[in-house]
């Protein structure tokens, strides 16, 4: 997969078959669309092209101030899309200027001029241009003018995609990780930088890597204890993770910490990937460190059994 970040330096695509979207999650529903994209490109003896945007369009055009929470960071999306077999990924900088171009200019000056598409595959409800005035009907009207074929992603598939994305986000936020993973078609993962904590875990035999998020837009799991895999320096380890306020030690800030099994290295400042497999239990306030230690012993046993 070739990645293009400068829309003024795009190659000459051969019979480009394109689709457009954020593809947050690159979940099982998205992969059906991408499979169709690749099939159409093969039939046209062409190349499959996904056009996506960064930052997320809602950050630019929405009046809602609350932050956008995404299933994937941009780099994660790139990694997942590379697995789908597409030929090209074009990452378009989404700016107010881009958002405010006239709908017809979006077709003529952007899609046609930059991609010279053989086929465009879009949802029936796809909107574009200033005030989102452009729609499928306009794209259809312009197809004979610019000599491209247009294929619709029908309403029932679009609705299924939206439901899947909403269900995944809700499942992640409410600690239903197995449900989220089933919708995703892969195990939810995230990355964090290892930072210094208060080092209580090591005093009871369960040292933890405290993680600071590397992307503020990345969705965060609900509180609880999880069985996880950790990837450190390219090697995978089993482990368990706690997300929450650590009530037993009167914690005041929400923290994410991972106990990596059979691991004894200093990794402060390094990036750690966590692959989340199973939810074990909710966060509990125990009567002292001895009870906490006993619970962690059981959590480790459960994690090893599940992993």
C-alpha atoms as a PDB file:
ATOM      1  CA  UNK A   1       0.000   0.000   0.000  1.00  0.00           C
ATOM      2  CA  UNK A   2       1.339   3.401  -0.973  1.00  0.00           C
ATOM      3  CA  UNK A   3       0.574   6.294   1.387  1.00  0.00           C
ATOM      4  CA  UNK A   4       0.108   9.824   0.035  1.00  0.00           C
ATOM      5  CA  UNK A   5      -0.126  12.859   2.317  1.00  0.00           C
ATOM      6  CA  UNK A   6       0.292  15.677  -0.236  1.00  0.00           C
ATOM      7  CA  UNK A   7      -2.681  15.941  -2.597  1.00  0.00           C
ATOM      8  CA  UNK A   8      -0.605  18.141  -4.902  1.00  0.00           C
ATOM      9  CA  UNK A   9       1.961  15.380  -5.406  1.00  0.00           C
ATOM     10  CA  UNK A  10      -0.253  12.418  -6.249  1.00  0.00           C
ATOM     11  CA  UNK A  11       0.838   9.869  -8.843  1.00  0.00           C
ATOM     12  CA  UNK A  12      -1.079   9.099 -12.017  1.00  0.00           C
ATOM     13  CA  UNK A  13      -3.508   6.417 -10.854  1.00  0.00           C
ATOM     14  CA  UNK A  14      -4.353   3.655 -13.323  1.00  0.00           C
ATOM     15  CA  UNK A  15      -8.143   3.368 -13.666  1.00  0.00           C
ATOM     16  CA  UNK A  16      -8.599   4.502 -10.077  1.00  0.00           C
ATOM     17  CA  UNK A  17     -11.485   2.931  -8.194  1.00  0.00           C
ATOM     18  CA  UNK A  18     -11.989   5.155  -5.166  1.00  0.00           C
ATOM     19  CA  UNK A  19     -14.000   5.332  -1.991  1.00  0.00           C
ATOM     20  CA  UNK A  20     -14.071   8.054   0.635  1.00  0.00           C
ATOM     21  CA  UNK A  21     -14.430   7.930   4.397  1.00  0.00           C
ATOM     22  CA  UNK A  22     -12.829   8.101   7.823  1.00  0.00           C
ATOM     23  CA  UNK A  23     -12.919   4.300   8.282  1.00  0.00           C
ATOM     24  CA  UNK A  24     -12.528   4.691  12.041  1.00  0.00           C
ATOM     25  CA  UNK A  25     -12.071   1.222  13.502  1.00  0.00           C
ATOM     26  CA  UNK A  26     -11.439  -0.419  10.109  1.00  0.00           C
ATOM     27  CA  UNK A  27     -13.959  -2.921  11.454  1.00  0.00           C
ATOM     28  CA  UNK A  28     -15.563  -5.951   9.861  1.00  0.00           C
ATOM     29  CA  UNK A  29     -18.205  -3.829   8.105  1.00  0.00           C
ATOM     30  CA  UNK A  30     -15.601  -1.523   6.640  1.00  0.00           C
ATOM     31  CA  UNK A  31     -13.665  -4.513   5.360  1.00  0.00           C
ATOM     32  CA  UNK A  32     -16.675  -5.650   3.331  1.00  0.00           C
ATOM     33  CA  UNK A  33     -16.669  -2.273   1.563  1.00  0.00           C
ATOM     34  CA  UNK A  34     -12.908  -2.457   1.038  1.00  0.00           C
ATOM     35  CA  UNK A  35     -13.181  -5.995  -0.376  1.00  0.00           C
ATOM     36  CA  UNK A  36     -15.723  -4.684  -2.883  1.00  0.00           C
ATOM     37  CA  UNK A  37     -13.372  -1.797  -3.707  1.00  0.00           C
ATOM     38  CA  UNK A  38     -10.532  -4.218  -4.440  1.00  0.00           C
ATOM     39  CA  UNK A  39     -12.819  -6.437  -6.534  1.00  0.00           C
ATOM     40  CA  UNK A  40     -14.017  -3.492  -8.643  1.00  0.00           C
ATOM     41  CA  UNK A  41     -10.434  -2.337  -9.147  1.00  0.00           C
ATOM     42  CA  UNK A  42      -9.430  -5.802 -10.350  1.00  0.00           C
ATOM     43  CA  UNK A  43     -12.341  -5.855 -12.817  1.00  0.00           C
ATOM     44  CA  UNK A  44     -11.303  -2.457 -14.181  1.00  0.00           C
ATOM     45  CA  UNK A  45      -7.639  -3.479 -14.384  1.00  0.00           C
ATOM     46  CA  UNK A  46      -7.102  -0.534 -12.103  1.00  0.00           C
ATOM     47  CA  UNK A  47      -5.925   0.487  -8.652  1.00  0.00           C
ATOM     48  CA  UNK A  48      -7.929   0.712  -5.447  1.00  0.00           C
ATOM     49  CA  UNK A  49      -7.727   4.058  -3.663  1.00  0.00           C
ATOM     50  CA  UNK A  50      -9.094   5.041  -0.255  1.00  0.00           C
ATOM     51  CA  UNK A  51      -9.402   8.754   0.463  1.00  0.00           C
ATOM     52  CA  UNK A  52      -9.502   9.578   4.153  1.00  0.00           C
ATOM     53  CA  UNK A  53      -9.193  12.784   6.144  1.00  0.00           C
ATOM     54  CA  UNK A  54      -7.079  14.092   8.991  1.00  0.00           C
ATOM     55  CA  UNK A  55      -7.964  15.609  11.355  1.00  0.00           C
ATOM     56  CA  UNK A  56     -11.440  14.142  11.683  1.00  0.00           C
ATOM     57  CA  UNK A  57     -13.902  16.397   9.792  1.00  0.00           C
ATOM     58  CA  UNK A  58     -16.053  16.839  12.918  1.00  0.00           C
ATOM     59  CA  UNK A  59     -13.160  18.642  14.602  1.00  0.00           C
ATOM     60  CA  UNK A  60     -13.243  21.257  11.835  1.00  0.00           C
ATOM     61  CA  UNK A  61     -16.915  21.672  10.957  1.00  0.00           C
ATOM     62  CA  UNK A  62     -18.772  20.778  14.162  1.00  0.00           C
ATOM     63  CA  UNK A  63     -19.955  23.418  16.605  1.00  0.00           C
ATOM     64  CA  UNK A  64     -19.803  20.866  19.420  1.00  0.00           C
ATOM     65  CA  UNK A  65     -16.741  21.598  21.538  1.00  0.00           C
ATOM     66  CA  UNK A  66     -16.398  18.178  23.165  1.00  0.00           C
ATOM     67  CA  UNK A  67     -13.480  16.190  21.792  1.00  0.00           C
ATOM     68  CA  UNK A  68     -13.821  13.544  19.131  1.00  0.00           C
ATOM     69  CA  UNK A  69     -13.074  10.074  20.510  1.00  0.00           C
ATOM     70  CA  UNK A  70     -11.803   7.710  17.853  1.00  0.00           C
ATOM     71  CA  UNK A  71     -11.372   3.938  17.858  1.00  0.00           C
ATOM     72  CA  UNK A  72      -8.075   4.300  15.992  1.00  0.00           C
ATOM     73  CA  UNK A  73      -5.375   6.921  15.813  1.00  0.00           C
ATOM     74  CA  UNK A  74      -4.310   7.887  12.295  1.00  0.00           C
ATOM     75  CA  UNK A  75      -1.227   5.671  12.476  1.00  0.00           C
ATOM     76  CA  UNK A  76      -3.307   2.716  13.671  1.00  0.00           C
ATOM     77  CA  UNK A  77      -5.729   3.272  10.806  1.00  0.00           C
ATOM     78  CA  UNK A  78      -2.841   3.253   8.345  1.00  0.00           C
ATOM     79  CA  UNK A  79      -1.562  -0.009   9.852  1.00  0.00           C
ATOM     80  CA  UNK A  80      -4.981  -1.680   9.664  1.00  0.00           C
ATOM     81  CA  UNK A  81      -5.764  -0.442   6.137  1.00  0.00           C
ATOM     82  CA  UNK A  82      -2.411  -1.771   4.935  1.00  0.00           C
ATOM     83  CA  UNK A  83      -3.684  -5.263   5.817  1.00  0.00           C
ATOM     84  CA  UNK A  84      -6.670  -4.965   3.458  1.00  0.00           C
ATOM     85  CA  UNK A  85      -4.774  -5.160   0.174  1.00  0.00           C
ATOM     86  CA  UNK A  86      -5.635  -1.693  -1.141  1.00  0.00           C
ATOM     87  CA  UNK A  87      -3.146  -0.074  -3.511  1.00  0.00           C
ATOM     88  CA  UNK A  88      -3.235   3.525  -2.288  1.00  0.00           C
ATOM     89  CA  UNK A  89      -4.236   5.464   0.808  1.00  0.00           C
ATOM     90  CA  UNK A  90      -4.561   9.229   0.360  1.00  0.00           C
ATOM     91  CA  UNK A  91      -4.654  11.227   3.593  1.00  0.00           C
ATOM     92  CA  UNK A  92      -6.243  14.603   2.871  1.00  0.00           C
ATOM     93  CA  UNK A  93      -5.576  17.460   5.319  1.00  0.00           C
ATOM     94  CA  UNK A  94      -9.100  18.482   6.339  1.00  0.00           C
ATOM     95  CA  UNK A  95      -9.168  22.263   6.735  1.00  0.00           C
ATOM     96  CA  UNK A  96     -11.859  24.936   6.801  1.00  0.00           C
ATOM     97  CA  UNK A  97     -10.808  25.898   3.281  1.00  0.00           C
ATOM     98  CA  UNK A  98     -11.289  22.319   2.079  1.00  0.00           C
ATOM     99  CA  UNK A  99     -14.626  22.027   3.899  1.00  0.00           C
ATOM    100  CA  UNK A 100     -15.905  25.267   2.402  1.00  0.00           C
ATOM    101  CA  UNK A 101     -15.240  24.559  -1.263  1.00  0.00           C
ATOM    102  CA  UNK A 102     -18.349  24.439  -3.447  1.00  0.00           C
ATOM    103  CA  UNK A 103     -19.809  20.976  -3.929  1.00  0.00           C
ATOM    104  CA  UNK A 104     -19.238  21.054  -7.702  1.00  0.00           C
ATOM    105  CA  UNK A 105     -15.629  22.141  -7.141  1.00  0.00           C
ATOM    106  CA  UNK A 106     -15.161  19.177  -4.790  1.00  0.00           C
ATOM    107  CA  UNK A 107     -16.077  16.908  -7.703  1.00  0.00           C
ATOM    108  CA  UNK A 108     -14.252  18.727 -10.529  1.00  0.00           C
ATOM    109  CA  UNK A 109     -11.196  20.204  -8.777  1.00  0.00           C
ATOM    110  CA  UNK A 110     -10.613  17.511  -6.188  1.00  0.00           C
ATOM    111  CA  UNK A 111     -11.974  14.114  -7.189  1.00  0.00           C
ATOM    112  CA  UNK A 112     -11.689  14.403 -10.966  1.00  0.00           C
ATOM    113  CA  UNK A 113      -8.582  16.586 -11.248  1.00  0.00           C
ATOM    114  CA  UNK A 114      -6.577  14.735  -8.609  1.00  0.00           C
ATOM    115  CA  UNK A 115      -7.709  11.130  -9.131  1.00  0.00           C
ATOM    116  CA  UNK A 116      -9.249  10.878 -12.627  1.00  0.00           C
ATOM    117  CA  UNK A 117     -11.493   8.141 -11.256  1.00  0.00           C
ATOM    118  CA  UNK A 118     -12.694   5.185 -13.265  1.00  0.00           C
ATOM    119  CA  UNK A 119     -15.242   4.368 -10.539  1.00  0.00           C
ATOM    120  CA  UNK A 120     -16.379   6.115  -7.358  1.00  0.00           C
ATOM    121  CA  UNK A 121     -17.982   4.020  -4.623  1.00  0.00           C
ATOM    122  CA  UNK A 122     -19.839   6.104  -2.015  1.00  0.00           C
ATOM    123  CA  UNK A 123     -22.703   5.826   0.431  1.00  0.00           C
ATOM    124  CA  UNK A 124     -26.196   6.855  -0.540  1.00  0.00           C
ATOM    125  CA  UNK A 125     -26.020   9.564   2.158  1.00  0.00           C
ATOM    126  CA  UNK A 126     -22.535  10.881   1.369  1.00  0.00           C
ATOM    127  CA  UNK A 127     -22.437  14.684   1.767  1.00  0.00           C
ATOM    128  CA  UNK A 128     -19.660  17.042   0.741  1.00  0.00           C
ATOM    129  CA  UNK A 129     -18.793  20.652  -0.056  1.00  0.00           C
ATOM    130  CA  UNK A 130     -19.763  23.882   1.669  1.00  0.00           C
ATOM    131  CA  UNK A 131     -22.568  23.385   4.186  1.00  0.00           C
ATOM    132  CA  UNK A 132     -22.582  19.737   3.041  1.00  0.00           C
ATOM    133  CA  UNK A 133     -24.653  20.784   0.040  1.00  0.00           C
ATOM    134  CA  UNK A 134     -23.309  18.090  -2.292  1.00  0.00           C
ATOM    135  CA  UNK A 135     -24.927  14.667  -2.313  1.00  0.00           C
ATOM    136  CA  UNK A 136     -25.168  11.401  -4.227  1.00  0.00           C
ATOM    137  CA  UNK A 137     -27.623  12.923  -6.696  1.00  0.00           C
ATOM    138  CA  UNK A 138     -25.131  15.654  -7.688  1.00  0.00           C
ATOM    139  CA  UNK A 139     -22.365  13.067  -8.021  1.00  0.00           C
ATOM    140  CA  UNK A 140     -24.697  11.050 -10.268  1.00  0.00           C
ATOM    141  CA  UNK A 141     -25.500  14.077 -12.441  1.00  0.00           C
ATOM    142  CA  UNK A 142     -21.810  14.781 -12.980  1.00  0.00           C
ATOM    143  CA  UNK A 143     -20.839  11.180 -13.790  1.00  0.00           C
ATOM    144  CA  UNK A 144     -21.449  11.468 -17.577  1.00  0.00           C
ATOM    145  CA  UNK A 145     -19.821  14.923 -17.636  1.00  0.00           C
ATOM    146  CA  UNK A 146     -16.551  13.661 -16.145  1.00  0.00           C
ATOM    147  CA  UNK A 147     -16.808  10.104 -17.436  1.00  0.00           C
ATOM    148  CA  UNK A 148     -16.685   8.165 -14.185  1.00  0.00           C
ATOM    149  CA  UNK A 149     -18.842   5.289 -13.013  1.00  0.00           C
ATOM    150  CA  UNK A 150     -20.715   5.665  -9.753  1.00  0.00           C
ATOM    151  CA  UNK A 151     -21.610   2.824  -7.399  1.00  0.00           C
ATOM    152  CA  UNK A 152     -23.795   3.296  -4.357  1.00  0.00           C
ATOM    153  CA  UNK A 153     -23.250   1.753  -0.948  1.00  0.00           C
ATOM    154  CA  UNK A 154     -26.915   1.133  -0.162  1.00  0.00           C
ATOM    155  CA  UNK A 155     -28.805   2.367   2.864  1.00  0.00           C
ATOM    156  CA  UNK A 156     -28.951  -0.935   4.744  1.00  0.00           C
ATOM    157  CA  UNK A 157     -25.170  -1.380   4.519  1.00  0.00           C
ATOM    158  CA  UNK A 158     -24.492   2.234   5.513  1.00  0.00           C
ATOM    159  CA  UNK A 159     -26.811   1.890   8.481  1.00  0.00           C
ATOM    160  CA  UNK A 160     -25.080  -1.338   9.513  1.00  0.00           C
ATOM    161  CA  UNK A 161     -21.715   0.451   9.378  1.00  0.00           C
ATOM    162  CA  UNK A 162     -22.999   3.245  11.624  1.00  0.00           C
ATOM    163  CA  UNK A 163     -24.537   0.798  14.083  1.00  0.00           C
ATOM    164  CA  UNK A 164     -21.304  -1.209  14.219  1.00  0.00           C
ATOM    165  CA  UNK A 165     -19.166   1.881  14.899  1.00  0.00           C
ATOM    166  CA  UNK A 166     -21.566   3.094  17.602  1.00  0.00           C
ATOM    167  CA  UNK A 167     -21.718  -0.351  19.201  1.00  0.00           C
ATOM    168  CA  UNK A 168     -17.935  -0.642  19.204  1.00  0.00           C
ATOM    169  CA  UNK A 169     -17.468   2.741  20.895  1.00  0.00           C
ATOM    170  CA  UNK A 170     -20.137   1.988  23.495  1.00  0.00           C
ATOM    171  CA  UNK A 171     -18.682  -1.446  24.193  1.00  0.00           C
ATOM    172  CA  UNK A 172     -15.180  -0.013  24.672  1.00  0.00           C
ATOM    173  CA  UNK A 173     -16.406   2.772  26.945  1.00  0.00           C
ATOM    174  CA  UNK A 174     -18.374   0.292  29.082  1.00  0.00           C
ATOM    175  CA  UNK A 175     -15.656  -2.376  29.368  1.00  0.00           C
ATOM    176  CA  UNK A 176     -17.411  -4.891  27.091  1.00  0.00           C
ATOM    177  CA  UNK A 177     -14.195  -5.705  25.310  1.00  0.00           C
ATOM    178  CA  UNK A 178     -15.215  -9.099  23.930  1.00  0.00           C
ATOM    179  CA  UNK A 179     -18.240  -7.482  22.267  1.00  0.00           C
ATOM    180  CA  UNK A 180     -16.046  -4.715  20.837  1.00  0.00           C
ATOM    181  CA  UNK A 181     -13.532  -7.221  19.509  1.00  0.00           C
ATOM    182  CA  UNK A 182     -16.259  -9.260  17.825  1.00  0.00           C
ATOM    183  CA  UNK A 183     -17.489  -6.177  15.940  1.00  0.00           C
ATOM    184  CA  UNK A 184     -13.960  -5.058  15.088  1.00  0.00           C
ATOM    185  CA  UNK A 185     -12.864  -8.428  13.754  1.00  0.00           C
ATOM    186  CA  UNK A 186      -9.576  -8.017  15.642  1.00  0.00           C
ATOM    187  CA  UNK A 187      -8.523  -7.277  19.216  1.00  0.00           C
ATOM    188  CA  UNK A 188      -8.757  -3.646  20.340  1.00  0.00           C
ATOM    189  CA  UNK A 189      -5.354  -2.158  21.024  1.00  0.00           C
ATOM    190  CA  UNK A 190      -3.792   1.104  22.080  1.00  0.00           C
ATOM    191  CA  UNK A 191      -0.359   2.537  22.789  1.00  0.00           C
ATOM    192  CA  UNK A 192       1.000   4.530  25.683  1.00  0.00           C
ATOM    193  CA  UNK A 193       4.263   5.970  26.897  1.00  0.00           C
ATOM    194  CA  UNK A 194       5.621   4.389  30.085  1.00  0.00           C
ATOM    195  CA  UNK A 195       5.854   7.074  32.787  1.00  0.00           C
ATOM    196  CA  UNK A 196       6.776   7.091  36.466  1.00  0.00           C
ATOM    197  CA  UNK A 197       4.033   6.246  38.963  1.00  0.00           C
ATOM    198  CA  UNK A 198       3.997   5.971  42.745  1.00  0.00           C
ATOM    199  CA  UNK A 199       5.521   2.449  42.571  1.00  0.00           C
ATOM    200  CA  UNK A 200       3.120   0.865  45.090  1.00  0.00           C
ATOM    201  CA  UNK A 201       2.715  -2.234  42.892  1.00  0.00           C
ATOM    202  CA  UNK A 202       6.333  -3.280  43.231  1.00  0.00           C
ATOM    203  CA  UNK A 203       6.056  -3.255  47.056  1.00  0.00           C
ATOM    204  CA  UNK A 204       3.488  -6.082  46.880  1.00  0.00           C
ATOM    205  CA  UNK A 205       5.138  -8.064  44.104  1.00  0.00           C
ATOM    206  CA  UNK A 206       3.165  -6.677  41.148  1.00  0.00           C
ATOM    207  CA  UNK A 207       5.210  -3.886  39.518  1.00  0.00           C
ATOM    208  CA  UNK A 208       3.307  -1.985  36.868  1.00  0.00           C
ATOM    209  CA  UNK A 209       4.071   0.129  33.830  1.00  0.00           C
ATOM    210  CA  UNK A 210       2.048   3.317  34.125  1.00  0.00           C
ATOM    211  CA  UNK A 211       0.884   4.469  30.706  1.00  0.00           C
ATOM    212  CA  UNK A 212       0.302   7.959  29.390  1.00  0.00           C
ATOM    213  CA  UNK A 213      -1.842   8.138  26.252  1.00  0.00           C
ATOM    214  CA  UNK A 214       0.029   9.110  23.105  1.00  0.00           C
ATOM    215  CA  UNK A 215      -3.110  10.491  21.400  1.00  0.00           C
ATOM    216  CA  UNK A 216      -5.768  12.526  23.192  1.00  0.00           C
ATOM    217  CA  UNK A 217      -8.418  11.608  20.594  1.00  0.00           C
ATOM    218  CA  UNK A 218      -8.063   7.849  21.162  1.00  0.00           C
ATOM    219  CA  UNK A 219     -11.035   6.306  22.938  1.00  0.00           C
ATOM    220  CA  UNK A 220     -10.314   4.995  26.460  1.00  0.00           C
ATOM    221  CA  UNK A 221     -11.639   1.761  27.914  1.00  0.00           C
ATOM    222  CA  UNK A 222     -14.002   1.774  30.857  1.00  0.00           C
ATOM    223  CA  UNK A 223     -12.623   1.199  34.354  1.00  0.00           C
ATOM    224  CA  UNK A 224     -11.755  -2.347  35.359  1.00  0.00           C
ATOM    225  CA  UNK A 225      -9.194  -5.133  35.280  1.00  0.00           C
ATOM    226  CA  UNK A 226      -8.326  -6.778  31.947  1.00  0.00           C
ATOM    227  CA  UNK A 227      -6.293  -9.686  30.591  1.00  0.00           C
ATOM    228  CA  UNK A 228      -3.966  -8.295  27.953  1.00  0.00           C
ATOM    229  CA  UNK A 229      -0.976  -8.894  25.745  1.00  0.00           C
ATOM    230  CA  UNK A 230       1.783  -6.287  25.765  1.00  0.00           C
ATOM    231  CA  UNK A 231       4.257  -5.640  22.998  1.00  0.00           C
ATOM    232  CA  UNK A 232       7.548  -4.223  24.255  1.00  0.00           C
ATOM    233  CA  UNK A 233      10.566  -3.750  21.997  1.00  0.00           C
ATOM    234  CA  UNK A 234       8.934  -5.964  19.374  1.00  0.00           C
ATOM    235  CA  UNK A 235       8.282  -8.882  21.733  1.00  0.00           C
ATOM    236  CA  UNK A 236       4.868  -9.978  23.018  1.00  0.00           C
ATOM    237  CA  UNK A 237       4.201 -10.735  26.697  1.00  0.00           C
ATOM    238  CA  UNK A 238       1.144 -11.764  28.677  1.00  0.00           C
ATOM    239  CA  UNK A 239      -0.120  -9.386  31.314  1.00  0.00           C
ATOM    240  CA  UNK A 240      -3.006  -7.774  33.156  1.00  0.00           C
ATOM    241  CA  UNK A 241      -4.136  -4.177  33.163  1.00  0.00           C
ATOM    242  CA  UNK A 242      -5.975  -1.917  35.572  1.00  0.00           C
ATOM    243  CA  UNK A 243      -7.806   1.241  34.537  1.00  0.00           C
ATOM    244  CA  UNK A 244      -9.344   3.411  37.224  1.00  0.00           C
ATOM    245  CA  UNK A 245      -8.775   5.429  40.375  1.00  0.00           C
ATOM    246  CA  UNK A 246      -7.147   2.739  42.589  1.00  0.00           C
ATOM    247  CA  UNK A 247      -9.538   3.198  45.539  1.00  0.00           C
ATOM    248  CA  UNK A 248      -7.569   0.868  47.842  1.00  0.00           C
ATOM    249  CA  UNK A 249      -4.636   3.328  47.898  1.00  0.00           C
ATOM    250  CA  UNK A 250      -6.918   6.412  47.803  1.00  0.00           C
ATOM    251  CA  UNK A 251      -5.983   7.304  44.264  1.00  0.00           C
ATOM    252  CA  UNK A 252      -7.310  10.617  42.981  1.00  0.00           C
ATOM    253  CA  UNK A 253      -6.403  10.479  39.303  1.00  0.00           C
ATOM    254  CA  UNK A 254      -7.540   7.953  36.719  1.00  0.00           C
ATOM    255  CA  UNK A 255      -4.584   5.859  35.689  1.00  0.00           C
ATOM    256  CA  UNK A 256      -3.796   3.015  33.312  1.00  0.00           C
ATOM    257  CA  UNK A 257      -1.217   0.531  34.553  1.00  0.00           C
ATOM    258  CA  UNK A 258      -0.068  -2.824  33.226  1.00  0.00           C
ATOM    259  CA  UNK A 259       1.593  -5.688  35.058  1.00  0.00           C
ATOM    260  CA  UNK A 260       3.691  -7.488  32.430  1.00  0.00           C
ATOM    261  CA  UNK A 261       4.278 -11.133  33.299  1.00  0.00           C
ATOM    262  CA  UNK A 262       7.820 -12.547  33.268  1.00  0.00           C
ATOM    263  CA  UNK A 263       9.302  -9.139  32.518  1.00  0.00           C
ATOM    264  CA  UNK A 264      11.990  -7.297  34.447  1.00  0.00           C
ATOM    265  CA  UNK A 265      13.299  -4.317  32.468  1.00  0.00           C
ATOM    266  CA  UNK A 266      13.257  -0.553  32.955  1.00  0.00           C
ATOM    267  CA  UNK A 267      11.235   0.865  30.069  1.00  0.00           C
ATOM    268  CA  UNK A 268      10.445   4.417  31.183  1.00  0.00           C
ATOM    269  CA  UNK A 269       9.947   6.697  28.216  1.00  0.00           C
ATOM    270  CA  UNK A 270       9.306   3.835  25.821  1.00  0.00           C
ATOM    271  CA  UNK A 271       6.115   3.204  23.883  1.00  0.00           C
ATOM    272  CA  UNK A 272       4.156   0.093  24.842  1.00  0.00           C
ATOM    273  CA  UNK A 273       1.326  -1.482  22.869  1.00  0.00           C
ATOM    274  CA  UNK A 274      -1.509  -3.147  24.783  1.00  0.00           C
ATOM    275  CA  UNK A 275      -3.785  -5.682  23.078  1.00  0.00           C
ATOM    276  CA  UNK A 276      -6.932  -6.072  25.148  1.00  0.00           C
ATOM    277  CA  UNK A 277      -8.384  -9.594  25.263  1.00  0.00           C
ATOM    278  CA  UNK A 278     -10.765 -10.035  28.192  1.00  0.00           C
ATOM    279  CA  UNK A 279     -12.474  -8.091  30.952  1.00  0.00           C
ATOM    280  CA  UNK A 280     -11.843  -9.717  34.333  1.00  0.00           C
ATOM    281  CA  UNK A 281     -13.659  -7.673  36.948  1.00  0.00           C
ATOM    282  CA  UNK A 282     -14.614  -4.221  38.127  1.00  0.00           C
ATOM    283  CA  UNK A 283     -12.396  -2.017  40.243  1.00  0.00           C
ATOM    284  CA  UNK A 284     -12.872  -2.733  43.958  1.00  0.00           C
ATOM    285  CA  UNK A 285     -11.772  -1.017  47.167  1.00  0.00           C
ATOM    286  CA  UNK A 286     -10.076  -3.637  49.342  1.00  0.00           C
ATOM    287  CA  UNK A 287      -9.359  -3.474  53.063  1.00  0.00           C
ATOM    288  CA  UNK A 288      -5.633  -2.924  52.756  1.00  0.00           C
ATOM    289  CA  UNK A 289      -2.741  -4.082  50.608  1.00  0.00           C
ATOM    290  CA  UNK A 290      -2.929  -7.747  51.710  1.00  0.00           C
ATOM    291  CA  UNK A 291      -6.439  -8.104  50.280  1.00  0.00           C
ATOM    292  CA  UNK A 292      -5.346  -6.260  47.136  1.00  0.00           C
ATOM    293  CA  UNK A 293      -2.373  -8.593  46.746  1.00  0.00           C
ATOM    294  CA  UNK A 294      -4.625 -11.658  47.067  1.00  0.00           C
ATOM    295  CA  UNK A 295      -6.975 -10.239  44.414  1.00  0.00           C
ATOM    296  CA  UNK A 296      -4.063  -9.529  42.075  1.00  0.00           C
ATOM    297  CA  UNK A 297      -2.844 -13.105  42.521  1.00  0.00           C
ATOM    298  CA  UNK A 298      -6.252 -14.368  41.370  1.00  0.00           C
ATOM    299  CA  UNK A 299      -6.323 -11.828  38.516  1.00  0.00           C
ATOM    300  CA  UNK A 300      -2.989 -13.143  37.292  1.00  0.00           C
ATOM    301  CA  UNK A 301      -4.191 -16.746  37.453  1.00  0.00           C
ATOM    302  CA  UNK A 302      -7.357 -15.811  35.551  1.00  0.00           C
ATOM    303  CA  UNK A 303      -5.340 -13.867  32.951  1.00  0.00           C
ATOM    304  CA  UNK A 304      -2.953 -16.756  32.352  1.00  0.00           C
ATOM    305  CA  UNK A 305      -5.856 -19.161  31.983  1.00  0.00           C
ATOM    306  CA  UNK A 306      -7.690 -16.892  29.523  1.00  0.00           C
ATOM    307  CA  UNK A 307      -4.654 -15.899  27.514  1.00  0.00           C
END
